[in-house]
Amino acid sequence: MDPNWFIGFREKLDKHYAWPALYMFKFIVPTEKKEELRQLFPLHVTTTEKASGKGKYTSLTYQMMMPSSESVIEVYKKVAVIEGVVAL
């Protein structure tokens, strides 16, 4: 991932959120990878989970209390290791 993208993203997060804040993460993963994603957040419950029409992909949404923009970015970096994941 491009480090310059993270700089701009951090600025946007800090502009729109007063930390700590409840932040919503939404990921789309190949269905066979959803457990891999869940294992990254063992203490958090998925707020919503929805399979695609053909069941090939699954959308997972988490709401987490985050202490800072840097912690949000760390979550995205952590998830980026999963092949085929799309972060929204």
N, C-alpha and C. Protein backbone atom coordinates (compact mmCIF):
# COMPACT_ATOMS: atom_id res chain seq x y z
N MET A 1 0.84 -1.18 0.00
CA MET A 1 0.00 0.00 0.00
C MET A 1 0.89 1.25 0.00
N ASP A 2 0.44 2.24 -0.68
CA ASP A 2 1.19 3.48 -0.84
C ASP A 2 1.19 4.30 0.46
N PRO A 3 2.36 4.59 1.01
CA PRO A 3 2.43 5.38 2.25
C PRO A 3 1.79 6.77 2.12
N ASN A 4 1.85 7.36 0.93
CA ASN A 4 1.22 8.68 0.72
C ASN A 4 -0.29 8.61 0.86
N TRP A 5 -0.87 7.47 0.47
CA TRP A 5 -2.32 7.30 0.62
C TRP A 5 -2.69 7.34 2.10
N PHE A 6 -1.88 6.69 2.93
CA PHE A 6 -2.16 6.67 4.36
C PHE A 6 -2.08 8.06 4.98
N ILE A 7 -1.19 8.89 4.50
CA ILE A 7 -1.07 10.25 5.02
C ILE A 7 -2.36 11.02 4.77
N GLY A 8 -2.86 10.95 3.53
CA GLY A 8 -4.11 11.63 3.19
C GLY A 8 -5.30 11.05 3.93
N PHE A 9 -5.32 9.74 4.08
CA PHE A 9 -6.41 9.07 4.78
C PHE A 9 -6.42 9.48 6.25
N ARG A 10 -5.24 9.53 6.86
CA ARG A 10 -5.13 9.94 8.27
C ARG A 10 -5.66 11.37 8.45
N GLU A 11 -5.32 12.24 7.52
CA GLU A 11 -5.80 13.62 7.60
C GLU A 11 -7.33 13.68 7.52
N LYS A 12 -7.90 12.89 6.62
CA LYS A 12 -9.37 12.86 6.49
C LYS A 12 -10.02 12.31 7.74
N LEU A 13 -9.45 11.24 8.29
CA LEU A 13 -9.99 10.67 9.52
C LEU A 13 -9.97 11.70 10.65
N ASP A 14 -8.84 12.37 10.80
CA ASP A 14 -8.72 13.35 11.88
C ASP A 14 -9.63 14.55 11.68
N LYS A 15 -9.96 14.86 10.44
CA LYS A 15 -10.87 15.97 10.15
C LYS A 15 -12.31 15.61 10.50
N HIS A 16 -12.70 14.35 10.30
CA HIS A 16 -14.09 13.94 10.45
C HIS A 16 -14.43 13.23 11.76
N TYR A 17 -13.43 12.86 12.53
CA TYR A 17 -13.68 12.14 13.78
C TYR A 17 -13.00 12.83 14.95
N ALA A 18 -13.64 12.77 16.11
CA ALA A 18 -13.04 13.22 17.36
C ALA A 18 -12.70 11.94 18.13
N TRP A 19 -11.42 11.66 18.28
CA TRP A 19 -10.97 10.40 18.89
C TRP A 19 -11.03 10.48 20.40
N PRO A 20 -11.39 9.37 21.05
CA PRO A 20 -11.79 8.08 20.50
C PRO A 20 -13.17 8.17 19.86
N ALA A 21 -13.41 7.26 18.91
CA ALA A 21 -14.68 7.28 18.17
C ALA A 21 -15.06 5.88 17.73
N LEU A 22 -16.36 5.68 17.54
CA LEU A 22 -16.86 4.44 16.99
C LEU A 22 -16.64 4.50 15.48
N TYR A 23 -15.95 3.52 14.95
CA TYR A 23 -15.61 3.51 13.52
C TYR A 23 -16.15 2.24 12.89
N MET A 24 -16.72 2.36 11.70
CA MET A 24 -17.27 1.21 11.00
C MET A 24 -16.31 0.75 9.90
N PHE A 25 -15.94 -0.51 9.96
CA PHE A 25 -15.11 -1.14 8.95
C PHE A 25 -16.00 -2.07 8.14
N LYS A 26 -15.84 -2.03 6.83
CA LYS A 26 -16.59 -2.95 5.96
C LYS A 26 -15.59 -3.58 5.00
N PHE A 27 -15.64 -4.92 4.96
CA PHE A 27 -14.73 -5.67 4.11
C PHE A 27 -15.52 -6.65 3.26
N ILE A 28 -15.06 -6.86 2.05
CA ILE A 28 -15.62 -7.91 1.19
C ILE A 28 -14.49 -8.89 0.94
N VAL A 29 -14.76 -10.15 1.23
CA VAL A 29 -13.73 -11.19 1.08
C VAL A 29 -14.32 -12.37 0.32
N PRO A 30 -13.47 -13.14 -0.36
CA PRO A 30 -13.96 -14.40 -0.90
C PRO A 30 -14.51 -15.21 0.28
N THR A 31 -15.64 -15.84 0.10
CA THR A 31 -16.31 -16.53 1.20
C THR A 31 -15.40 -17.50 1.92
N GLU A 32 -14.51 -18.17 1.20
CA GLU A 32 -13.61 -19.13 1.86
C GLU A 32 -12.58 -18.43 2.75
N LYS A 33 -12.48 -17.11 2.69
CA LYS A 33 -11.52 -16.35 3.50
C LYS A 33 -12.17 -15.63 4.68
N LYS A 34 -13.50 -15.76 4.84
CA LYS A 34 -14.16 -14.97 5.89
C LYS A 34 -13.71 -15.37 7.29
N GLU A 35 -13.40 -16.64 7.50
CA GLU A 35 -12.92 -17.06 8.82
C GLU A 35 -11.54 -16.47 9.10
N GLU A 36 -10.73 -16.35 8.08
CA GLU A 36 -9.41 -15.74 8.23
C GLU A 36 -9.56 -14.29 8.69
N LEU A 37 -10.53 -13.59 8.12
CA LEU A 37 -10.80 -12.21 8.53
C LEU A 37 -11.31 -12.18 9.96
N ARG A 38 -12.25 -13.03 10.29
CA ARG A 38 -12.80 -13.06 11.65
C ARG A 38 -11.72 -13.31 12.70
N GLN A 39 -10.76 -14.15 12.37
CA GLN A 39 -9.69 -14.46 13.32
C GLN A 39 -8.82 -13.25 13.64
N LEU A 40 -8.81 -12.26 12.77
CA LEU A 40 -8.05 -11.04 13.04
C LEU A 40 -8.72 -10.18 14.12
N PHE A 41 -10.01 -10.42 14.35
CA PHE A 41 -10.78 -9.63 15.32
C PHE A 41 -11.50 -10.55 16.30
N PRO A 42 -10.76 -11.34 17.09
CA PRO A 42 -11.40 -12.33 17.95
C PRO A 42 -12.30 -11.72 19.04
N LEU A 43 -12.06 -10.49 19.41
CA LEU A 43 -12.85 -9.87 20.48
C LEU A 43 -14.02 -9.05 19.95
N HIS A 44 -14.19 -9.02 18.65
CA HIS A 44 -15.26 -8.21 18.05
C HIS A 44 -16.27 -9.09 17.33
N VAL A 45 -17.50 -8.72 17.44
CA VAL A 45 -18.58 -9.43 16.77
C VAL A 45 -18.90 -8.70 15.48
N THR A 46 -19.12 -9.47 14.42
CA THR A 46 -19.52 -8.88 13.15
C THR A 46 -20.89 -8.23 13.33
N THR A 47 -21.02 -6.98 12.93
CA THR A 47 -22.29 -6.29 13.03
C THR A 47 -23.25 -6.82 11.98
N THR A 48 -22.75 -6.95 10.75
CA THR A 48 -23.55 -7.54 9.68
C THR A 48 -22.67 -8.44 8.83
N GLU A 49 -23.30 -9.45 8.29
CA GLU A 49 -22.62 -10.36 7.36
C GLU A 49 -23.61 -10.69 6.26
N LYS A 50 -23.15 -10.55 5.03
CA LYS A 50 -24.06 -10.80 3.90
C LYS A 50 -23.28 -11.45 2.77
N ALA A 51 -23.81 -12.57 2.30
CA ALA A 51 -23.21 -13.27 1.17
C ALA A 51 -23.67 -12.64 -0.13
N SER A 52 -22.81 -12.69 -1.14
CA SER A 52 -23.20 -12.18 -2.46
C SER A 52 -24.25 -13.10 -3.05
N GLY A 53 -24.85 -12.67 -4.13
CA GLY A 53 -25.92 -13.43 -4.77
C GLY A 53 -25.54 -14.87 -5.09
N LYS A 54 -24.35 -15.09 -5.56
CA LYS A 54 -23.90 -16.44 -5.91
C LYS A 54 -23.10 -17.09 -4.78
N GLY A 55 -22.91 -16.35 -3.68
CA GLY A 55 -22.21 -16.89 -2.52
C GLY A 55 -20.70 -16.93 -2.63
N LYS A 56 -20.16 -16.33 -3.67
CA LYS A 56 -18.72 -16.35 -3.88
C LYS A 56 -17.99 -15.39 -2.93
N TYR A 57 -18.65 -14.30 -2.55
CA TYR A 57 -18.07 -13.29 -1.68
C TYR A 57 -18.97 -13.05 -0.48
N THR A 58 -18.36 -12.57 0.59
CA THR A 58 -19.11 -12.23 1.79
C THR A 58 -18.68 -10.84 2.26
N SER A 59 -19.66 -10.04 2.63
CA SER A 59 -19.43 -8.72 3.18
C SER A 59 -19.52 -8.82 4.70
N LEU A 60 -18.50 -8.30 5.39
CA LEU A 60 -18.48 -8.31 6.85
C LEU A 60 -18.29 -6.88 7.33
N THR A 61 -19.13 -6.47 8.27
CA THR A 61 -19.06 -5.12 8.81
C THR A 61 -18.80 -5.21 10.31
N TYR A 62 -17.84 -4.42 10.77
CA TYR A 62 -17.50 -4.35 12.18
C TYR A 62 -17.60 -2.90 12.64
N GLN A 63 -18.11 -2.70 13.84
CA GLN A 63 -18.06 -1.37 14.46
C GLN A 63 -17.17 -1.52 15.68
N MET A 64 -16.13 -0.69 15.73
CA MET A 64 -15.17 -0.78 16.83
C MET A 64 -14.87 0.61 17.37
N MET A 65 -14.70 0.68 18.67
CA MET A 65 -14.26 1.92 19.29
C MET A 65 -12.76 2.03 19.05
N MET A 66 -12.37 3.07 18.36
CA MET A 66 -10.97 3.25 17.99
C MET A 66 -10.40 4.46 18.72
N PRO A 67 -9.18 4.35 19.25
CA PRO A 67 -8.59 5.46 20.00
C PRO A 67 -8.01 6.57 19.13
N SER A 68 -7.67 6.25 17.85
CA SER A 68 -7.02 7.26 17.02
C SER A 68 -7.09 6.88 15.54
N SER A 69 -6.75 7.83 14.69
CA SER A 69 -6.70 7.55 13.25
C SER A 69 -5.62 6.51 12.96
N GLU A 70 -4.53 6.56 13.69
CA GLU A 70 -3.45 5.59 13.49
C GLU A 70 -3.92 4.17 13.77
N SER A 71 -4.78 3.99 14.77
CA SER A 71 -5.29 2.65 15.08
C SER A 71 -6.20 2.14 13.96
N VAL A 72 -6.95 3.05 13.33
CA VAL A 72 -7.80 2.67 12.20
C VAL A 72 -6.91 2.20 11.05
N ILE A 73 -5.87 2.93 10.77
CA ILE A 73 -4.95 2.57 9.68
C ILE A 73 -4.28 1.24 9.97
N GLU A 74 -3.94 0.97 11.21
CA GLU A 74 -3.33 -0.31 11.58
C GLU A 74 -4.27 -1.48 11.29
N VAL A 75 -5.57 -1.28 11.49
CA VAL A 75 -6.54 -2.33 11.17
C VAL A 75 -6.52 -2.61 9.67
N TYR A 76 -6.53 -1.56 8.86
CA TYR A 76 -6.50 -1.76 7.41
C TYR A 76 -5.22 -2.45 6.96
N LYS A 77 -4.10 -2.12 7.57
CA LYS A 77 -2.84 -2.79 7.24
C LYS A 77 -2.88 -4.27 7.63
N LYS A 78 -3.48 -4.55 8.76
CA LYS A 78 -3.59 -5.92 9.26
C LYS A 78 -4.44 -6.77 8.32
N VAL A 79 -5.52 -6.21 7.83
CA VAL A 79 -6.45 -6.93 6.95
C VAL A 79 -5.87 -7.10 5.54
N ALA A 80 -5.00 -6.20 5.13
CA ALA A 80 -4.46 -6.22 3.77
C ALA A 80 -3.70 -7.50 3.43
N VAL A 81 -3.30 -8.27 4.43
CA VAL A 81 -2.56 -9.51 4.17
C VAL A 81 -3.47 -10.63 3.65
N ILE A 82 -4.78 -10.46 3.76
CA ILE A 82 -5.72 -11.49 3.29
C ILE A 82 -5.89 -11.34 1.78
N GLU A 83 -5.60 -12.40 1.07
CA GLU A 83 -5.71 -12.37 -0.39
C GLU A 83 -7.16 -12.18 -0.82
N GLY A 84 -7.38 -11.21 -1.69
CA GLY A 84 -8.69 -10.98 -2.25
C GLY A 84 -9.59 -10.05 -1.44
N VAL A 85 -9.10 -9.54 -0.32
CA VAL A 85 -9.94 -8.66 0.51
C VAL A 85 -10.09 -7.29 -0.15
N VAL A 86 -11.29 -6.72 -0.01
CA VAL A 86 -11.57 -5.37 -0.47
C VAL A 86 -12.08 -4.61 0.75
N ALA A 87 -11.42 -3.51 1.08
CA ALA A 87 -11.83 -2.67 2.19
C ALA A 87 -12.62 -1.50 1.64
N LEU A 88 -13.79 -1.27 2.23
CA LEU A 88 -14.63 -0.15 1.79
C LEU A 88 -14.62 0.94 2.83
